[in-house]
Amino acid sequence: MKIEARIFELLTAFFFVAAIIYTICTAFASKGVEWVGVVGMFFSGGLTLIAGTYFRFVARRVEIRPEDYEDAEVEDGAGELGFFSPHSWWPILIAAGAAMFGIGFATGNFWFAIFASVVIIGTAAGLVFEYHVGPEKH
């Protein structure tokens, strides 16, 4: 996990430096600062900072993995990797809600965007609580 944390920390530094340079370069343009790109780069830096910080905290609690050894074999990492729900429809419904929100917001139909945000919250709750019901309800 330390390797992943380091990669995201380097990406964070890159995005922040690139955003500062981009801000300075576009400030000298005839039309002024191009705010969409500046905000996008700073937000990208913030997202990579969040991911890098998460990996840094997790790296302290997790044992050394086979991926961290240079002479590790593929079978050293064998075993259960976690739980995956291959038949879940909830991620598709969340994406549909996000698309509805984007369409509603882009077209100025804010009532539709509000409805879509309710859909997103409901489907995200469905995803989180998918396996918190009895086995007879599946």
N, C-alpha and C. Protein backbone atom coordinates (compact mmCIF):
# COMPACT_ATOMS: atom_id res chain seq x y z
N MET A 1 0.81 -1.20 0.00
CA MET A 1 0.00 0.00 0.00
C MET A 1 0.85 1.26 0.00
N LYS A 2 2.08 1.14 0.45
CA LYS A 2 2.93 2.32 0.47
C LYS A 2 3.27 2.78 -0.94
N ILE A 3 3.37 1.84 -1.85
CA ILE A 3 3.67 2.19 -3.24
C ILE A 3 2.50 2.96 -3.85
N GLU A 4 1.28 2.48 -3.60
CA GLU A 4 0.11 3.16 -4.13
C GLU A 4 -0.03 4.56 -3.52
N ALA A 5 0.25 4.67 -2.22
CA ALA A 5 0.19 5.98 -1.57
C ALA A 5 1.20 6.93 -2.19
N ARG A 6 2.39 6.44 -2.46
CA ARG A 6 3.43 7.29 -3.06
C ARG A 6 3.04 7.74 -4.48
N ILE A 7 2.43 6.85 -5.24
CA ILE A 7 1.99 7.21 -6.59
C ILE A 7 0.96 8.34 -6.53
N PHE A 8 -0.02 8.21 -5.65
CA PHE A 8 -1.04 9.24 -5.55
C PHE A 8 -0.48 10.54 -4.98
N GLU A 9 0.50 10.46 -4.09
CA GLU A 9 1.12 11.68 -3.59
C GLU A 9 1.89 12.40 -4.69
N LEU A 10 2.55 11.66 -5.55
CA LEU A 10 3.23 12.28 -6.69
C LEU A 10 2.23 12.90 -7.66
N LEU A 11 1.11 12.21 -7.89
CA LEU A 11 0.07 12.78 -8.75
C LEU A 11 -0.52 14.05 -8.14
N THR A 12 -0.66 14.08 -6.82
CA THR A 12 -1.16 15.28 -6.15
C THR A 12 -0.22 16.45 -6.39
N ALA A 13 1.07 16.21 -6.20
CA ALA A 13 2.05 17.28 -6.43
C ALA A 13 2.00 17.74 -7.89
N PHE A 14 1.92 16.80 -8.82
CA PHE A 14 1.86 17.16 -10.24
C PHE A 14 0.65 18.02 -10.55
N PHE A 15 -0.53 17.61 -10.07
CA PHE A 15 -1.75 18.37 -10.39
C PHE A 15 -1.72 19.76 -9.79
N PHE A 16 -1.23 19.91 -8.56
CA PHE A 16 -1.18 21.23 -7.95
C PHE A 16 -0.16 22.14 -8.65
N VAL A 17 1.00 21.59 -8.98
CA VAL A 17 2.00 22.39 -9.69
C VAL A 17 1.49 22.76 -11.08
N ALA A 18 0.88 21.80 -11.77
CA ALA A 18 0.34 22.08 -13.10
C ALA A 18 -0.77 23.11 -13.03
N ALA A 19 -1.60 23.06 -11.99
CA ALA A 19 -2.69 24.04 -11.86
C ALA A 19 -2.14 25.44 -11.61
N ILE A 20 -1.10 25.53 -10.81
CA ILE A 20 -0.50 26.84 -10.55
C ILE A 20 0.13 27.40 -11.82
N ILE A 21 0.87 26.57 -12.52
CA ILE A 21 1.50 27.02 -13.77
C ILE A 21 0.43 27.39 -14.80
N TYR A 22 -0.62 26.60 -14.90
CA TYR A 22 -1.70 26.88 -15.84
C TYR A 22 -2.40 28.19 -15.50
N THR A 23 -2.60 28.43 -14.21
CA THR A 23 -3.23 29.68 -13.79
C THR A 23 -2.38 30.88 -14.18
N ILE A 24 -1.09 30.79 -13.93
CA ILE A 24 -0.18 31.89 -14.27
C ILE A 24 -0.13 32.10 -15.78
N CYS A 25 -0.04 31.01 -16.54
CA CYS A 25 0.05 31.13 -18.00
C CYS A 25 -1.23 31.71 -18.61
N THR A 26 -2.38 31.29 -18.11
CA THR A 26 -3.61 31.83 -18.68
C THR A 26 -3.92 33.22 -18.16
N ALA A 27 -3.33 33.62 -17.05
CA ALA A 27 -3.56 34.98 -16.54
C ALA A 27 -2.95 36.01 -17.48
N PHE A 28 -1.88 35.65 -18.17
CA PHE A 28 -1.25 36.57 -19.10
C PHE A 28 -1.89 36.56 -20.47
N ALA A 29 -2.88 35.71 -20.67
CA ALA A 29 -3.59 35.68 -21.95
C ALA A 29 -4.48 36.91 -22.07
N SER A 30 -4.94 37.16 -23.27
CA SER A 30 -5.74 38.37 -23.49
C SER A 30 -7.12 38.29 -22.85
N LYS A 31 -7.63 37.09 -22.64
CA LYS A 31 -8.97 36.93 -22.09
C LYS A 31 -8.96 36.64 -20.59
N GLY A 32 -7.82 36.51 -19.97
CA GLY A 32 -7.75 36.27 -18.53
C GLY A 32 -7.65 34.80 -18.20
N VAL A 33 -7.82 34.51 -16.93
CA VAL A 33 -7.67 33.15 -16.42
C VAL A 33 -8.79 32.26 -16.93
N GLU A 34 -8.44 31.06 -17.34
CA GLU A 34 -9.42 30.07 -17.81
C GLU A 34 -9.80 29.22 -16.61
N TRP A 35 -10.91 29.57 -15.97
CA TRP A 35 -11.25 29.03 -14.66
C TRP A 35 -11.68 27.57 -14.67
N VAL A 36 -12.25 27.10 -15.75
CA VAL A 36 -12.70 25.71 -15.78
C VAL A 36 -11.52 24.76 -15.66
N GLY A 37 -10.47 25.02 -16.42
CA GLY A 37 -9.27 24.17 -16.34
C GLY A 37 -8.57 24.28 -15.01
N VAL A 38 -8.51 25.51 -14.47
CA VAL A 38 -7.84 25.72 -13.18
C VAL A 38 -8.57 24.95 -12.08
N VAL A 39 -9.88 25.11 -12.03
CA VAL A 39 -10.67 24.42 -11.00
C VAL A 39 -10.59 22.91 -11.19
N GLY A 40 -10.65 22.45 -12.44
CA GLY A 40 -10.55 21.01 -12.71
C GLY A 40 -9.23 20.43 -12.25
N MET A 41 -8.14 21.16 -12.48
CA MET A 41 -6.84 20.64 -12.04
C MET A 41 -6.70 20.66 -10.53
N PHE A 42 -7.20 21.71 -9.88
CA PHE A 42 -7.13 21.74 -8.42
C PHE A 42 -8.02 20.64 -7.82
N PHE A 43 -9.18 20.40 -8.40
CA PHE A 43 -10.03 19.32 -7.90
C PHE A 43 -9.38 17.95 -8.14
N SER A 44 -8.72 17.78 -9.28
CA SER A 44 -8.01 16.52 -9.53
C SER A 44 -6.91 16.32 -8.50
N GLY A 45 -6.21 17.40 -8.17
CA GLY A 45 -5.20 17.31 -7.12
C GLY A 45 -5.81 16.96 -5.78
N GLY A 46 -6.98 17.53 -5.48
CA GLY A 46 -7.65 17.21 -4.23
C GLY A 46 -8.10 15.76 -4.16
N LEU A 47 -8.60 15.24 -5.27
CA LEU A 47 -9.03 13.83 -5.29
C LEU A 47 -7.86 12.88 -5.13
N THR A 48 -6.75 13.18 -5.79
CA THR A 48 -5.58 12.31 -5.62
C THR A 48 -5.01 12.44 -4.21
N LEU A 49 -5.15 13.62 -3.59
CA LEU A 49 -4.72 13.78 -2.20
C LEU A 49 -5.56 12.91 -1.27
N ILE A 50 -6.87 12.87 -1.51
CA ILE A 50 -7.75 12.04 -0.70
C ILE A 50 -7.38 10.56 -0.84
N ALA A 51 -7.18 10.11 -2.08
CA ALA A 51 -6.83 8.70 -2.31
C ALA A 51 -5.47 8.37 -1.71
N GLY A 52 -4.49 9.25 -1.87
CA GLY A 52 -3.16 9.00 -1.31
C GLY A 52 -3.17 8.96 0.20
N THR A 53 -3.95 9.85 0.82
CA THR A 53 -4.05 9.85 2.28
C THR A 53 -4.71 8.57 2.77
N TYR A 54 -5.74 8.13 2.06
CA TYR A 54 -6.40 6.86 2.44
C TYR A 54 -5.41 5.70 2.36
N PHE A 55 -4.68 5.61 1.25
CA PHE A 55 -3.71 4.52 1.13
C PHE A 55 -2.62 4.62 2.18
N ARG A 56 -2.21 5.82 2.55
CA ARG A 56 -1.17 5.98 3.57
C ARG A 56 -1.67 5.48 4.92
N PHE A 57 -2.93 5.79 5.28
CA PHE A 57 -3.47 5.31 6.55
C PHE A 57 -3.68 3.80 6.54
N VAL A 58 -4.13 3.26 5.43
CA VAL A 58 -4.36 1.82 5.34
C VAL A 58 -3.03 1.06 5.37
N ALA A 59 -2.00 1.64 4.81
CA ALA A 59 -0.69 0.98 4.77
C ALA A 59 -0.14 0.75 6.17
N ARG A 60 -0.52 1.58 7.12
CA ARG A 60 -0.06 1.40 8.49
C ARG A 60 -0.72 0.21 9.18
N ARG A 61 -1.94 -0.11 8.75
CA ARG A 61 -2.70 -1.17 9.42
C ARG A 61 -2.63 -2.51 8.73
N VAL A 62 -2.18 -2.54 7.49
CA VAL A 62 -2.17 -3.78 6.71
C VAL A 62 -0.79 -4.41 6.78
N GLU A 63 -0.80 -5.73 6.82
CA GLU A 63 0.48 -6.45 6.80
C GLU A 63 1.16 -6.25 5.45
N ILE A 64 2.42 -6.59 5.40
CA ILE A 64 3.15 -6.49 4.14
C ILE A 64 2.57 -7.51 3.17
N ARG A 65 2.24 -7.06 1.98
CA ARG A 65 1.61 -7.91 0.97
C ARG A 65 2.66 -8.54 0.08
N PRO A 66 2.31 -9.60 -0.65
CA PRO A 66 3.28 -10.20 -1.58
C PRO A 66 3.72 -9.24 -2.67
N GLU A 67 2.87 -8.28 -3.02
CA GLU A 67 3.23 -7.32 -4.05
C GLU A 67 4.38 -6.41 -3.63
N ASP A 68 4.62 -6.34 -2.32
CA ASP A 68 5.68 -5.47 -1.82
C ASP A 68 7.06 -6.12 -1.88
N TYR A 69 7.12 -7.41 -2.13
CA TYR A 69 8.39 -8.11 -2.26
C TYR A 69 8.80 -8.18 -3.73
N GLU A 70 10.05 -7.92 -4.00
CA GLU A 70 10.52 -8.00 -5.39
C GLU A 70 10.63 -9.43 -5.88
N ASP A 71 10.88 -10.38 -4.99
CA ASP A 71 11.05 -11.77 -5.41
C ASP A 71 9.81 -12.62 -5.12
N ALA A 72 8.65 -12.01 -5.02
CA ALA A 72 7.42 -12.74 -4.74
C ALA A 72 6.94 -13.46 -6.00
N GLU A 73 6.25 -14.56 -5.78
CA GLU A 73 5.66 -15.33 -6.87
C GLU A 73 4.16 -15.04 -6.93
N VAL A 74 3.53 -15.41 -8.04
CA VAL A 74 2.11 -15.15 -8.23
C VAL A 74 1.29 -15.90 -7.20
N GLU A 75 1.66 -17.12 -6.90
CA GLU A 75 0.87 -17.92 -5.97
C GLU A 75 0.98 -17.43 -4.53
N ASP A 76 1.91 -16.53 -4.23
CA ASP A 76 2.00 -15.96 -2.88
C ASP A 76 0.78 -15.11 -2.57
N GLY A 77 0.13 -14.56 -3.58
CA GLY A 77 -1.04 -13.72 -3.38
C GLY A 77 -2.35 -14.47 -3.51
N ALA A 78 -2.30 -15.81 -3.57
CA ALA A 78 -3.52 -16.60 -3.73
C ALA A 78 -4.37 -16.52 -2.47
N GLY A 79 -5.64 -16.70 -2.65
CA GLY A 79 -6.56 -16.69 -1.52
C GLY A 79 -7.72 -15.75 -1.81
N GLU A 80 -8.55 -15.57 -0.81
CA GLU A 80 -9.72 -14.73 -0.99
C GLU A 80 -9.32 -13.26 -1.00
N LEU A 81 -9.85 -12.52 -1.98
CA LEU A 81 -9.51 -11.11 -2.12
C LEU A 81 -10.61 -10.19 -1.64
N GLY A 82 -11.75 -10.72 -1.34
CA GLY A 82 -12.85 -9.90 -0.88
C GLY A 82 -14.16 -10.38 -1.47
N PHE A 83 -15.20 -9.58 -1.31
CA PHE A 83 -16.54 -9.94 -1.76
C PHE A 83 -16.93 -9.06 -2.94
N PHE A 84 -17.47 -9.67 -3.96
CA PHE A 84 -17.96 -8.95 -5.13
C PHE A 84 -19.33 -9.49 -5.49
N SER A 85 -20.25 -8.59 -5.72
CA SER A 85 -21.61 -8.98 -6.06
C SER A 85 -21.81 -8.87 -7.57
N PRO A 86 -21.67 -9.96 -8.31
CA PRO A 86 -21.72 -9.86 -9.77
C PRO A 86 -23.11 -9.64 -10.35
N HIS A 87 -24.15 -9.89 -9.59
CA HIS A 87 -25.50 -9.80 -10.14
C HIS A 87 -26.26 -8.58 -9.63
N SER A 88 -25.56 -7.61 -9.11
CA SER A 88 -26.21 -6.42 -8.56
C SER A 88 -26.56 -5.42 -9.66
N TRP A 89 -27.79 -4.93 -9.62
CA TRP A 89 -28.24 -3.92 -10.57
C TRP A 89 -28.07 -2.51 -10.02
N TRP A 90 -27.72 -2.38 -8.76
CA TRP A 90 -27.66 -1.06 -8.13
C TRP A 90 -26.63 -0.13 -8.77
N PRO A 91 -25.43 -0.57 -9.14
CA PRO A 91 -24.50 0.37 -9.78
C PRO A 91 -25.04 0.94 -11.10
N ILE A 92 -25.77 0.15 -11.85
CA ILE A 92 -26.36 0.64 -13.11
C ILE A 92 -27.43 1.69 -12.80
N LEU A 93 -28.21 1.45 -11.77
CA LEU A 93 -29.25 2.42 -11.40
C LEU A 93 -28.65 3.72 -10.86
N ILE A 94 -27.54 3.62 -10.13
CA ILE A 94 -26.85 4.83 -9.67
C ILE A 94 -26.34 5.63 -10.87
N ALA A 95 -25.76 4.93 -11.83
CA ALA A 95 -25.26 5.61 -13.03
C ALA A 95 -26.41 6.26 -13.81
N ALA A 96 -27.55 5.59 -13.88
CA ALA A 96 -28.70 6.18 -14.56
C ALA A 96 -29.19 7.43 -13.83
N GLY A 97 -29.18 7.38 -12.51
CA GLY A 97 -29.56 8.56 -11.73
C GLY A 97 -28.58 9.71 -11.94
N ALA A 98 -27.28 9.38 -12.02
CA ALA A 98 -26.28 10.43 -12.27
C ALA A 98 -26.44 11.02 -13.66
N ALA A 99 -26.77 10.20 -14.64
CA ALA A 99 -27.02 10.71 -15.99
C ALA A 99 -28.25 11.60 -16.01
N MET A 100 -29.30 11.20 -15.30
CA MET A 100 -30.50 12.03 -15.21
C MET A 100 -30.18 13.37 -14.55
N PHE A 101 -29.36 13.33 -13.50
CA PHE A 101 -28.97 14.57 -12.84
C PHE A 101 -28.20 15.48 -13.78
N GLY A 102 -27.27 14.91 -14.52
CA GLY A 102 -26.48 15.70 -15.47
C GLY A 102 -27.35 16.32 -16.55
N ILE A 103 -28.29 15.56 -17.06
CA ILE A 103 -29.19 16.09 -18.10
C ILE A 103 -30.08 17.19 -17.52
N GLY A 104 -30.62 16.95 -16.34
CA GLY A 104 -31.48 17.95 -15.72
C GLY A 104 -30.74 19.23 -15.39
N PHE A 105 -29.52 19.11 -14.89
CA PHE A 105 -28.74 20.29 -14.54
C PHE A 105 -28.27 21.04 -15.78
N ALA A 106 -27.86 20.30 -16.81
CA ALA A 106 -27.36 20.94 -18.03
C ALA A 106 -28.46 21.66 -18.80
N THR A 107 -29.67 21.14 -18.75
CA THR A 107 -30.77 21.76 -19.49
C THR A 107 -31.52 22.81 -18.68
N GLY A 108 -31.14 22.99 -17.43
CA GLY A 108 -31.80 24.00 -16.60
C GLY A 108 -33.09 23.52 -15.96
N ASN A 109 -33.39 22.25 -16.06
CA ASN A 109 -34.57 21.67 -15.41
C ASN A 109 -34.19 21.23 -14.00
N PHE A 110 -34.15 22.20 -13.09
CA PHE A 110 -33.65 21.91 -11.75
C PHE A 110 -34.60 21.01 -10.97
N TRP A 111 -35.89 21.03 -11.28
CA TRP A 111 -36.81 20.10 -10.64
C TRP A 111 -36.44 18.66 -11.00
N PHE A 112 -35.99 18.45 -12.24
CA PHE A 112 -35.58 17.11 -12.68
C PHE A 112 -34.27 16.71 -12.01
N ALA A 113 -33.36 17.67 -11.82
CA ALA A 113 -32.09 17.39 -11.14
C ALA A 113 -32.34 17.05 -9.67
N ILE A 114 -33.30 17.71 -9.05
CA ILE A 114 -33.63 17.39 -7.66
C ILE A 114 -34.23 15.99 -7.57
N PHE A 115 -35.11 15.66 -8.50
CA PHE A 115 -35.67 14.30 -8.55
C PHE A 115 -34.56 13.27 -8.75
N ALA A 116 -33.61 13.58 -9.64
CA ALA A 116 -32.51 12.65 -9.91
C ALA A 116 -31.62 12.50 -8.69
N SER A 117 -31.43 13.55 -7.91
CA SER A 117 -30.61 13.42 -6.71
C SER A 117 -31.30 12.52 -5.68
N VAL A 118 -32.62 12.57 -5.62
CA VAL A 118 -33.36 11.65 -4.75
C VAL A 118 -33.18 10.21 -5.25
N VAL A 119 -33.20 10.03 -6.57
CA VAL A 119 -32.98 8.71 -7.15
C VAL A 119 -31.57 8.21 -6.80
N ILE A 120 -30.58 9.08 -6.89
CA ILE A 120 -29.20 8.69 -6.58
C ILE A 120 -29.09 8.28 -5.12
N ILE A 121 -29.67 9.05 -4.22
CA ILE A 121 -29.61 8.72 -2.79
C ILE A 121 -30.31 7.40 -2.52
N GLY A 122 -31.47 7.19 -3.14
CA GLY A 122 -32.20 5.94 -2.93
C GLY A 122 -31.46 4.73 -3.47
N THR A 123 -30.88 4.86 -4.65
CA THR A 123 -30.16 3.71 -5.22
C THR A 123 -28.84 3.46 -4.49
N ALA A 124 -28.19 4.51 -4.00
CA ALA A 124 -26.96 4.31 -3.21
C ALA A 124 -27.29 3.59 -1.90
N ALA A 125 -28.42 3.95 -1.29
CA ALA A 125 -28.85 3.24 -0.09
C ALA A 125 -29.18 1.78 -0.42
N GLY A 126 -29.79 1.55 -1.58
CA GLY A 126 -30.06 0.17 -1.99
C GLY A 126 -28.78 -0.63 -2.17
N LEU A 127 -27.75 0.00 -2.73
CA LEU A 127 -26.47 -0.68 -2.90
C LEU A 127 -25.83 -1.00 -1.55
N VAL A 128 -25.86 -0.04 -0.64
CA VAL A 128 -25.22 -0.25 0.66
C VAL A 128 -25.94 -1.33 1.46
N PHE A 129 -27.27 -1.31 1.41
CA PHE A 129 -28.05 -2.25 2.23
C PHE A 129 -28.53 -3.46 1.45
N GLU A 130 -27.90 -3.77 0.33
CA GLU A 130 -28.34 -4.88 -0.51
C GLU A 130 -28.32 -6.21 0.24
N TYR A 131 -27.32 -6.44 1.02
CA TYR A 131 -27.20 -7.72 1.71
C TYR A 131 -27.55 -7.62 3.19
N HIS A 132 -28.31 -6.58 3.57
CA HIS A 132 -28.76 -6.44 4.94
C HIS A 132 -30.21 -6.85 5.10
N VAL A 133 -30.71 -7.64 4.19
CA VAL A 133 -32.05 -8.19 4.29
C VAL A 133 -31.93 -9.70 4.41
N GLY A 134 -33.00 -10.32 4.79
CA GLY A 134 -32.98 -11.76 4.97
C GLY A 134 -32.78 -12.50 3.67
N PRO A 135 -32.26 -13.73 3.72
CA PRO A 135 -32.02 -14.48 2.51
C PRO A 135 -33.29 -14.84 1.74
N GLU A 136 -34.43 -14.80 2.40
CA GLU A 136 -35.67 -15.13 1.71
C GLU A 136 -36.14 -14.00 0.81
N LYS A 137 -35.56 -12.82 0.93
CA LYS A 137 -36.00 -11.66 0.14
C LYS A 137 -35.14 -11.43 -1.08
N HIS A 138 -34.22 -12.30 -1.37
CA HIS A 138 -33.35 -12.13 -2.55
C HIS A 138 -33.92 -12.85 -3.74
